């Protein structure tokens, strides 16, 4: 049973069948996980968002001529839903690891998150992308781009700096992750009945 504060969003519904992707956005509170997700799904920037709620968004897309449903679990930055974390890490196909370029602590927090993903998935080959968000706040930068590149190399994953506010590399991070999932799970090309709600957990 989902917690009462777990909200589900659904967009662009129809009765077609399609492939389903399950993405999880992880990182400390305040790094812009929700802003990135909402910018990708709705095309708007939300400056203030409730940091205590985990949301599931569903966006229907056409990728290479194939109808697809992209489900994105935007996780809370707090420990409120720790009991659910193993479950959505297990069910997730790809992961967006987000830190803020204005906070060294949020960068450091990703080491434990990455380790937990590998432990839960029992694999070091997991579709993943490292994201340094808030690139529009260059004057407040404390984490260099070189640090991001180095961390991505140690994680063996892709890396991009983004700005949810300026919509810089927002679409790119999600499309890159979808490509990784296609490569990692080529045998999961089957189509499934389209649903009106997220079916993440």
Foldseek 3Di string as FASTA:
>chain_A
DDDPLEEWEFDDDDFDWFAEAEEEEDFAPPQCLVLLVCCQAPVDGDPDDDLQGKYWYWHWDADPNTIYIYIYIRDHNDCPVVVCVLVLLCQHQEYEQEGEQLDPVRVVVVVVVLVSSCVSNVHLLGQYEYEHEPVVVVVRGDHDVVNQVVVCVVSVYHYDYYYSNVGGCSNVVVVSSVVSSCVVCVVRRDIDTDDRTDPRD
